[in-house]
Every structure is written in structure tokens, then in C-alpha cells.
Protein backbone atom coordinates (compact mmCIF):
# COMPACT_ATOMS: atom_id res chain seq x y z
CA TYR A 1 -17.17 -5.39 11.00
CA LEU A 2 -18.65 -5.03 7.50
CA ILE A 3 -18.04 -5.16 3.47
CA PRO A 4 -18.43 -1.69 2.54
CA SER A 5 -20.56 -2.34 -0.97
CA LYS A 6 -18.23 0.34 -2.54
CA ALA A 7 -14.35 0.04 -1.72
CA PRO A 8 -12.14 2.07 -1.72
CA GLY A 9 -10.39 3.34 -5.02
CA GLY A 10 -13.61 3.04 -7.21
CA GLY A 11 -13.91 -0.89 -6.82
CA GLY A 12 -17.39 -2.39 -7.68
CA GLY A 13 -19.49 -3.88 -4.61
CA GLY A 14 -19.60 -7.03 -2.84
CA VAL A 15 -15.74 -8.86 -2.55
CA GLY A 16 -14.98 -8.00 -6.02
CA GLY A 17 -14.84 -4.02 -4.99
CA LEU A 18 -13.12 -4.53 -1.61
CA LEU A 19 -9.82 -6.68 -3.51
CA SER A 20 -10.22 -3.68 -6.28
CA GLY A 21 -10.37 -1.38 -2.89
CA ALA A 22 -7.82 -3.31 -1.56
CA GLY A 23 -5.28 -3.20 -4.16
CA SER A 24 -5.75 0.13 -5.56
CA ILE A 25 -4.55 0.59 -0.94
CA GLY A 26 -1.47 -1.78 -1.42
CA GLY A 27 -0.43 0.38 -3.98
CA ARG A 28 -0.37 3.20 -2.18
CA MET A 29 1.17 1.94 0.56
CA GLY A 30 4.12 0.25 -1.26
CA GLY A 31 4.35 3.35 -2.71
CA MET A 32 5.51 4.96 0.26
CA ALA A 33 9.19 3.42 0.48
CA SER A 34 11.32 2.57 -2.29
CA GLY A 35 12.17 -1.17 -2.83
CA VAL A 36 9.06 -2.06 -1.24
CA PRO A 37 6.55 -3.72 -3.22
CA ALA A 38 2.95 -2.86 -3.33
CA LEU A 39 0.53 -5.35 -0.92
CA SER A 40 -1.52 -7.92 -2.79
CA ALA A 41 -4.77 -6.81 -2.76
CA VAL A 42 -5.72 -10.36 -2.56
CA GLY A 43 -3.58 -10.80 0.65
CA VAL A 44 -5.36 -7.69 2.13
CA ALA A 45 -8.77 -8.73 1.40
CA GLY A 46 -8.22 -11.99 2.70
CA TYR A 47 -6.50 -11.07 6.28
CA ALA A 48 -9.76 -8.15 6.73
CA ILE A 49 -12.36 -11.32 6.19
CA SER A 50 -10.55 -13.23 8.33
CA GLN A 51 -10.54 -10.25 11.17
CA ALA A 52 -14.20 -10.12 10.14
CA ALA A 53 -14.72 -13.72 10.47
CA GLU A 54 -12.89 -13.85 13.84
CA GLY A 55 -14.41 -10.45 15.52
CA GLU A 56 -17.77 -12.11 14.11
CA ALA A 57 -17.52 -15.81 15.77
CA ALA A 58 -15.95 -13.64 18.93
CA MET A 59 -18.95 -11.71 19.48
CA ASN A 60 -20.79 -14.70 19.13
CA ARG A 61 -19.63 -16.61 22.24
CA LEU A 62 -19.40 -13.21 24.19
CA GLN A 63 -23.54 -12.74 23.83
CA ALA A 64 -23.53 -16.90 24.33
CA VAL A 65 -22.12 -15.82 27.93
CA LEU A 66 -24.43 -13.22 29.15
CA LYS A 67 -27.36 -14.95 27.91
CA ALA A 68 -26.23 -18.17 29.58
CA THR A 69 -25.42 -16.02 33.12
CA GLY A 70 -27.49 -13.63 32.69
CA GLY A 71 -26.17 -10.27 31.82
CA GLN A 72 -24.75 -10.64 35.73
CA ALA A 73 -21.89 -8.37 34.49
CA GLY A 74 -24.41 -5.82 34.13
CA ARG A 75 -23.19 -4.91 30.74
CA THR A 76 -25.32 -5.37 27.38
CA ALA A 77 -23.01 -7.14 24.15
CA GLU A 78 -23.23 -3.35 23.02
CA GLN A 79 -21.93 -1.55 25.60
CA MET A 80 -19.03 -4.42 25.36
CA ALA A 81 -18.34 -3.96 21.50
CA ASN A 82 -18.16 0.10 22.23
CA LEU A 83 -15.45 -0.64 25.11
CA ALA A 84 -13.88 -2.54 22.82
CA GLY A 85 -14.01 0.16 20.05
CA LYS A 86 -12.39 2.26 22.72
CA ILE A 87 -9.80 -0.07 23.76
CA GLN A 88 -8.22 -0.91 19.93
CA GLN A 89 -8.28 2.78 19.63
CA THR A 90 -6.70 3.38 22.34
CA THR A 91 -4.17 1.07 22.96
CA THR A 92 -1.58 -1.83 20.86
CA TYR A 93 -5.36 -4.60 21.61
CA SER A 94 -8.36 -5.66 18.66
CA ASP A 95 -11.21 -5.46 19.44
CA THR A 96 -11.51 -8.38 19.04
CA ALA A 97 -9.41 -9.43 21.98
CA ALA A 98 -11.50 -6.89 24.16
CA ILE A 99 -14.29 -8.98 23.33
CA GLU A 100 -12.71 -11.87 24.02
CA ALA A 101 -10.89 -10.38 27.07
CA GLN A 102 -14.66 -9.15 28.34
CA THR A 103 -16.56 -12.63 27.21
CA PHE A 104 -13.99 -14.14 29.76
CA LEU A 105 -14.76 -11.08 32.69
CA ALA A 106 -18.75 -11.59 32.46
CA THR A 107 -17.80 -15.95 33.54
CA LEU A 108 -16.97 -14.43 37.17
CA ASP A 109 -19.34 -13.95 39.70
CA GLY A 110 -19.06 -10.50 41.71
CA ILE A 111 -18.17 -8.08 38.76
CA SER A 112 -20.76 -5.99 37.56
CA GLY A 113 -21.18 -1.91 36.24
CA ALA A 114 -18.11 0.48 36.08
CA ASN A 115 -15.80 -2.70 38.59
CA PHE A 116 -16.39 -4.90 35.23
CA ASP A 117 -15.55 -1.65 32.71
CA GLU A 118 -12.37 -0.91 35.38
CA ALA A 119 -10.96 -3.74 34.78
CA VAL A 120 -10.97 -3.86 31.36
CA LYS A 121 -8.88 -0.86 31.30
CA SER A 122 -6.22 -2.11 34.06
CA SER A 123 -6.10 -5.75 31.87
CA ALA A 124 -4.55 -4.03 29.39
CA ASP A 125 -2.42 -1.30 31.31
CA LEU A 126 -1.26 -4.67 33.33
CA ALA A 127 -0.91 -6.66 29.25
CA SER A 128 1.49 -3.93 28.45
CA VAL A 129 3.26 -3.71 31.60
CA MET A 130 4.49 -7.77 31.84
CA LYS A 131 3.88 -7.76 27.67
CA ILE A 132 0.62 -10.97 27.72
CA ASP A 133 -2.65 -11.14 26.32
CA LEU A 134 -4.58 -9.09 27.16
CA VAL A 135 -6.75 -12.04 28.04
CA SER A 136 -4.16 -13.36 30.22
CA ALA A 137 -3.74 -10.60 31.91
CA THR A 138 -7.12 -10.31 32.52
CA GLU A 139 -7.91 -13.77 33.84
CA MET A 140 -5.07 -12.59 36.40
CA VAL A 141 -7.54 -10.05 37.06
CA GLY A 142 -10.47 -11.07 37.28
CA LYS A 143 -9.17 -13.94 39.26
CA ALA A 144 -8.59 -11.29 41.94
CA LEU A 145 -11.36 -9.57 42.16
CA GLN A 146 -14.11 -12.16 42.59
CA ASP A 147 -11.95 -13.33 45.88
CA PRO A 148 -9.24 -10.50 46.89
CA GLU A 149 -7.73 -11.96 49.46
CA GLN A 150 -6.28 -15.13 46.96
CA GLY A 151 -6.28 -13.24 43.96
CA LEU A 152 -4.00 -10.55 45.36
CA ARG A 153 -1.14 -13.27 45.49
CA ALA A 154 -0.33 -13.39 41.37
CA LEU A 155 -0.38 -9.61 40.98
CA THR A 156 1.54 -10.08 43.82
CA SER A 157 3.89 -11.78 41.80
CA ALA A 158 3.19 -8.87 38.60
CA GLY A 159 4.88 -6.26 41.17
CA ILE A 160 1.71 -4.85 42.33
CA LYS A 161 1.97 -5.22 45.82
CA PHE A 162 -0.68 -4.75 49.24
CA THR A 163 -0.13 -3.01 52.50
CA ASP A 164 -1.11 -4.95 55.44
CA GLU A 165 -3.54 -2.73 55.20
CA GLN A 166 -4.92 -2.59 52.36
CA LYS A 167 -5.44 -6.74 52.70
CA GLU A 168 -6.46 -5.58 56.10
CA GLN A 169 -9.69 -3.21 54.29
CA ILE A 170 -10.39 -5.97 51.28
CA LYS A 171 -11.11 -9.02 54.62
CA THR A 172 -12.82 -6.96 56.53
CA LEU A 173 -15.22 -5.17 53.44
CA LEU A 174 -15.38 -8.66 52.29
CA GLU A 175 -17.36 -9.78 55.80
CA SER A 176 -19.40 -6.77 55.95
CA GLY A 177 -20.80 -8.39 51.94
CA ASN A 178 -19.48 -4.66 50.48
CA ALA A 179 -17.10 -7.13 47.54
CA MET A 180 -17.59 -4.11 45.03
CA GLY A 181 -16.04 -1.95 47.85
CA ALA A 182 -13.45 -4.74 48.03
CA GLN A 183 -12.76 -4.55 44.50
CA ARG A 184 -12.27 -0.80 44.05
CA ILE A 185 -9.36 -1.28 46.89
CA VAL A 186 -7.86 -4.10 43.45
CA LEU A 187 -8.14 -1.57 40.99
CA ASP A 188 -6.61 1.62 42.49
CA GLU A 189 -4.18 -0.40 43.57
CA ILE A 190 -3.38 -1.66 39.78
CA SER A 191 -4.42 2.18 38.54
CA HIS A 192 -1.67 3.31 40.99
CA ARG A 193 1.63 0.64 39.82
CA MET A 194 -0.12 0.50 36.40
CA GLY A 195 -2.91 3.07 34.70
CA GLY A 196 -1.97 4.33 31.43
CA SER A 197 0.43 1.89 30.92
CA ALA A 198 -1.31 1.04 27.94
CA ALA A 199 -2.18 3.69 26.46
CA GLU A 200 1.60 4.85 26.45
CA ALA A 201 2.69 1.85 24.95
CA ALA A 202 -0.17 3.75 21.91
CA LYS A 203 1.72 6.55 21.39
CA THR A 204 4.82 4.24 20.56
CA LEU A 205 5.87 4.17 16.94
CA SER A 206 5.51 0.57 16.94
CA GLY A 207 1.79 1.16 18.95
CA ARG A 208 1.20 3.27 15.98
């Protein structure tokens, strides 16, 4: 999140330039439809600065969690920020929301690497289908991955049903110490039921 030294529209540097550029943007947007007033330059700039501050605070919390947990998620802050950017580009969720979701997920034991990334994407699909926020969906997915035998109940209430065979497979994998294999079954089932829902929502008029 950076304030450009030279704002669009020929404005000056720093916040003053941002305000000037925002006024130009607001004027163009206001002219897109008759009867719609031009956006306030101060309002646009204030919103941009507020979003930047929220994003910075979210990244600070993420870095603190990664340090406290010793990086057990197997992902760096930069990698998580990149994933958050992809979430923002392909779904209706902001990168800040994706950072907050990953921050929660990073506090849970035993979820790392590729399964960590897949859990974030699956959470976006679940959130889209259930019409809940991304962090709440991530809590459901994360708890199911951390303790599949107990956490499956929450996913079942969301319409993701596991067969007796799948449950037995999960139990067997956990007993043999293959937690990541058990997590894979859970993630695959979420993908089978809801995969791509978040991306499809972003293609709608309201999503765009």
C-alpha cells in the first residue's frame, strides 16, 4: 500500500497529489452517469488512506503471528501477501481479508505448505456459498483440518457431507501419523462440492 508521489490527473506529490488525483478520478466517475454527483476528492483519498492503514495493520499482525509460531505454516509473510493478492484479483474478497484469514490459519498446528494455501482458497469458496465473511469460513475450514474427526461436523452443517468410507480413511490416516493426508481428503471434498464458487461470484455484475 503506497501513496504515489505523483498522483493521476497531474496532481502534486504526497497526500496533496493524491487528493488532486482523487478529485480528477471522482470527476470522471461522476460523469459516467447523468445525475450522479462527482465523488469527493477528500472522501476518495480518505478511503484510500484508511484501506492502506488497515492493510498495514493486518500485515503487522501476520508477521507477529509468524514470529510467535516459528513459521509453522511453512510460508513467509511475502508468500502469504502474494496469495492474498491473488485472492483479491480472483474473488470478491480483499487482500486484507485474505491476510487476516491466513493470520488465523497460521495459529493452528499442523496446517502447512500446499495444504495451507489450499485451505485459504477453499475458505473463499465456502464463504461465497454460505455468504459469510472470509475469516469465519477460514475458522471452519481450519478447525476441520486441525482436528478432522471433530471438525467435520461444522462442515457437514454447511452442506459438505463425508461418506462413512471417507471418515474411516481420515481416521486411519490420522492413526498412522499422516495428518496431511487426512487434510487432503477434507480439502478435496470441499473443492468437489464448492470449488470455484468464489471465482464465479467475482464474475457477476455485483462481483465486478
